[in-house]
Amino acid sequence: MTHYKYTGPEIWDQTDGKVTHFVVGVGTGGTISGVGKFLKEKNQNIKIWGVDAYGSVLKKFHETRKFDKNEIYPYVTEGIGEDIIPANVNFNLIDHFEKVSDKDGALYTRRLAKEEGIFAGYSAGSAIAAINQLKGQLTQDDVVVVLLHDHGSRYVAKIFNDDWMKKQNFI
């Protein structure tokens, strides 16, 4: 409800209603469902894209409406993905789910810090990786809002630690 009442309207206002795509990592589903509901009420043509981790059931459930236990396997990415179907996720509002690998999420998190000065967390890097994977579906006129909803301080010993990244075979 908070994202419906506040985050969605803020995105709408700050883009002067020109937003064409909203992209965010999905865990329990509050952000994507609240923002997605608000934006779809304003303009049904706005695309709502969720970011999911390999090893999570969300993308497959969205596509088939069937819970597939075979989709569940361990993943390193934090903040997105689930091994359950959260009641918060309104799958009817979501136009597409994009899976991002643990490695790509981690590498894009580091790139955000190094190239943009944005000290974000794993799900934020995964959201940026998803946009990179989906860039062929975007036009020059699209206005894409990517919500980066975690911070990097939780990942100093992981993503921002070369030894950890090497142990994961990410670098």
Protein backbone atom coordinates (compact mmCIF):
# COMPACT_ATOMS: atom_id res chain seq x y z
CA MET A 1 0.00 0.00 0.00
CA THR A 2 2.90 2.37 0.71
CA HIS A 3 4.27 1.89 -2.79
CA TYR A 4 0.80 2.44 -4.24
CA LYS A 5 0.25 5.61 -2.22
CA TYR A 6 3.73 7.13 -2.43
CA THR A 7 6.32 5.47 -4.69
CA GLY A 8 4.02 5.11 -7.70
CA PRO A 9 2.80 8.73 -7.56
CA GLU A 10 6.37 9.98 -7.10
CA ILE A 11 7.49 8.10 -10.23
CA TRP A 12 4.48 9.41 -12.16
CA ASP A 13 5.08 13.00 -11.04
CA GLN A 14 8.84 13.01 -11.55
CA THR A 15 8.51 11.67 -15.09
CA ASP A 16 5.59 14.00 -15.88
CA GLY A 17 3.57 10.86 -16.65
CA LYS A 18 5.98 9.85 -19.39
CA VAL A 19 7.22 6.65 -17.76
CA THR A 20 6.93 3.72 -20.17
CA HIS A 21 8.62 0.96 -18.14
CA PHE A 22 9.06 0.25 -14.44
CA VAL A 23 11.74 -2.29 -13.53
CA VAL A 24 12.42 -3.67 -10.06
CA GLY A 25 13.73 -6.77 -8.33
CA VAL A 26 10.99 -8.97 -6.91
CA GLY A 27 11.12 -10.74 -3.57
CA THR A 28 7.97 -10.50 -1.49
CA GLY A 29 6.34 -8.36 -4.18
CA GLY A 30 5.25 -5.23 -2.33
CA THR A 31 7.19 -2.78 -4.44
CA ILE A 32 6.31 -4.13 -7.87
CA SER A 33 2.67 -4.71 -6.96
CA GLY A 34 2.09 -1.32 -5.34
CA VAL A 35 3.90 0.73 -7.96
CA GLY A 36 2.57 -1.43 -10.77
CA LYS A 37 -1.04 -0.98 -9.63
CA PHE A 38 -0.69 2.79 -9.46
CA LEU A 39 1.08 3.12 -12.81
CA LYS A 40 -1.29 0.73 -14.63
CA GLU A 41 -4.25 2.78 -13.31
CA LYS A 42 -2.65 5.86 -14.87
CA ASN A 43 -1.70 4.18 -18.15
CA GLN A 44 -2.36 0.51 -19.01
CA ASN A 45 0.44 0.62 -21.60
CA ILE A 46 3.20 1.07 -19.01
CA LYS A 47 5.29 -2.10 -18.89
CA ILE A 48 5.99 -3.56 -15.46
CA TRP A 49 9.08 -5.75 -15.53
CA GLY A 50 10.18 -7.87 -12.57
CA VAL A 51 13.70 -9.10 -11.97
CA ASP A 52 14.13 -12.64 -10.67
CA ALA A 53 17.06 -14.87 -9.72
CA TYR A 54 17.87 -18.22 -11.26
CA GLY A 55 16.77 -20.76 -8.64
CA SER A 56 13.60 -18.81 -7.84
CA VAL A 57 10.05 -19.83 -8.78
CA LEU A 58 8.59 -16.39 -9.57
CA LYS A 59 9.22 -16.17 -13.34
CA LYS A 60 7.93 -19.67 -14.08
CA PHE A 61 4.88 -19.16 -11.87
CA HIS A 62 4.14 -15.89 -13.70
CA GLU A 63 4.30 -17.66 -17.05
CA THR A 64 2.44 -20.88 -16.16
CA ARG A 65 0.57 -20.16 -12.91
CA LYS A 66 2.02 -23.45 -11.67
CA PHE A 67 4.37 -23.79 -8.71
CA ASP A 68 7.30 -25.88 -9.92
CA LYS A 69 9.54 -27.23 -7.15
CA ASN A 70 12.06 -28.21 -9.84
CA GLU A 71 12.73 -24.48 -10.39
CA ILE A 72 14.09 -24.17 -6.86
CA TYR A 73 17.82 -24.45 -6.36
CA PRO A 74 20.40 -22.49 -4.35
CA TYR A 75 21.39 -19.03 -5.50
CA VAL A 76 23.64 -16.37 -4.05
CA THR A 77 21.68 -13.25 -5.04
CA GLU A 78 20.04 -11.58 -2.07
CA GLY A 79 16.90 -9.46 -1.99
CA ILE A 80 15.12 -11.01 -4.95
CA GLY A 81 13.68 -14.39 -5.79
CA GLU A 82 11.59 -16.77 -3.73
CA ASP A 83 11.03 -20.48 -3.15
CA ILE A 84 7.38 -19.74 -2.32
CA ILE A 85 4.67 -17.71 -4.01
CA PRO A 86 4.29 -14.60 -1.83
CA ALA A 87 0.71 -13.40 -1.32
CA ASN A 88 1.92 -9.82 -1.95
CA VAL A 89 2.81 -10.40 -5.60
CA ASN A 90 0.03 -9.39 -7.99
CA PHE A 91 1.19 -11.36 -11.03
CA ASN A 92 -1.60 -9.87 -13.16
CA LEU A 93 0.14 -6.46 -13.06
CA ILE A 94 3.51 -7.77 -14.20
CA ASP A 95 4.20 -7.86 -17.93
CA HIS A 96 7.49 -9.72 -17.84
CA PHE A 97 9.99 -11.35 -15.50
CA GLU A 98 13.66 -11.37 -16.41
CA LYS A 99 16.04 -13.82 -14.74
CA VAL A 100 19.53 -12.58 -13.93
CA SER A 101 22.45 -14.79 -12.94
CA ASP A 102 24.21 -14.41 -9.59
CA LYS A 103 27.40 -13.42 -11.42
CA ASP A 104 25.78 -10.73 -13.57
CA GLY A 105 23.95 -9.24 -10.59
CA ALA A 106 27.21 -9.05 -8.63
CA LEU A 107 29.23 -7.61 -11.51
CA TYR A 108 26.63 -4.93 -12.24
CA THR A 109 26.48 -4.03 -8.55
CA ARG A 110 30.21 -3.37 -8.64
CA ARG A 111 29.88 -1.42 -11.90
CA LEU A 112 27.23 0.82 -10.33
CA ALA A 113 29.69 1.73 -7.59
CA LYS A 114 32.73 2.14 -9.81
CA GLU A 115 31.19 3.83 -12.86
CA GLU A 116 28.22 5.71 -11.39
CA GLY A 117 29.20 6.23 -7.76
CA ILE A 118 26.03 4.42 -6.62
CA PHE A 119 26.74 2.19 -3.63
CA ALA A 120 23.84 -0.21 -4.07
CA GLY A 121 23.20 -3.84 -3.24
CA TYR A 122 22.76 -7.12 -5.05
CA SER A 123 19.16 -6.66 -6.19
CA ALA A 124 20.01 -3.22 -7.60
CA GLY A 125 22.85 -4.67 -9.65
CA SER A 126 20.51 -7.41 -10.82
CA ALA A 127 17.95 -4.81 -11.93
CA ILE A 128 20.60 -3.02 -13.99
CA ALA A 129 21.76 -6.35 -15.46
CA ALA A 130 18.13 -7.08 -16.42
CA ILE A 131 17.85 -3.76 -18.26
CA ASN A 132 21.04 -4.59 -20.13
CA GLN A 133 19.56 -7.97 -21.11
CA LEU A 134 16.29 -6.34 -22.23
CA LYS A 135 17.73 -3.26 -23.95
CA GLY A 136 16.79 -4.62 -27.38
CA GLN A 137 13.13 -4.26 -26.44
CA LEU A 138 13.48 -0.56 -25.68
CA THR A 139 13.33 2.43 -27.98
CA GLN A 140 15.03 5.78 -27.80
CA ASP A 141 11.72 7.35 -26.73
CA ASP A 142 11.10 5.03 -23.77
CA VAL A 143 11.30 6.41 -20.25
CA VAL A 144 12.50 3.59 -18.03
CA VAL A 145 12.45 3.83 -14.24
CA VAL A 146 14.59 1.27 -12.42
CA LEU A 147 14.14 1.21 -8.67
CA LEU A 148 17.37 0.49 -6.78
CA HIS A 149 16.03 -0.44 -3.39
CA ASP A 150 18.97 -1.76 -1.48
CA HIS A 151 22.33 -0.37 -0.37
CA GLY A 152 25.84 -1.66 -0.65
CA SER A 153 26.79 -1.68 3.03
CA ARG A 154 25.35 -5.19 3.39
CA TYR A 155 27.69 -6.47 0.70
CA VAL A 156 31.09 -5.09 1.70
CA ALA A 157 32.31 -8.56 2.69
CA LYS A 158 30.76 -10.14 -0.39
CA ILE A 159 30.30 -8.32 -3.71
CA PHE A 160 32.77 -5.57 -2.83
CA ASN A 161 35.35 -8.09 -1.62
CA ASP A 162 37.61 -9.46 -4.38
CA ASP A 163 38.37 -12.66 -2.44
CA TRP A 164 34.67 -13.49 -2.08
CA MET A 165 34.06 -12.68 -5.75
CA LYS A 166 36.93 -14.98 -6.75
CA LYS A 167 35.60 -17.82 -4.57
CA GLN A 168 32.29 -17.51 -6.41
CA ASN A 169 34.14 -17.54 -9.77
CA PHE A 170 32.65 -14.15 -10.58
CA ILE A 171 36.04 -12.49 -11.24
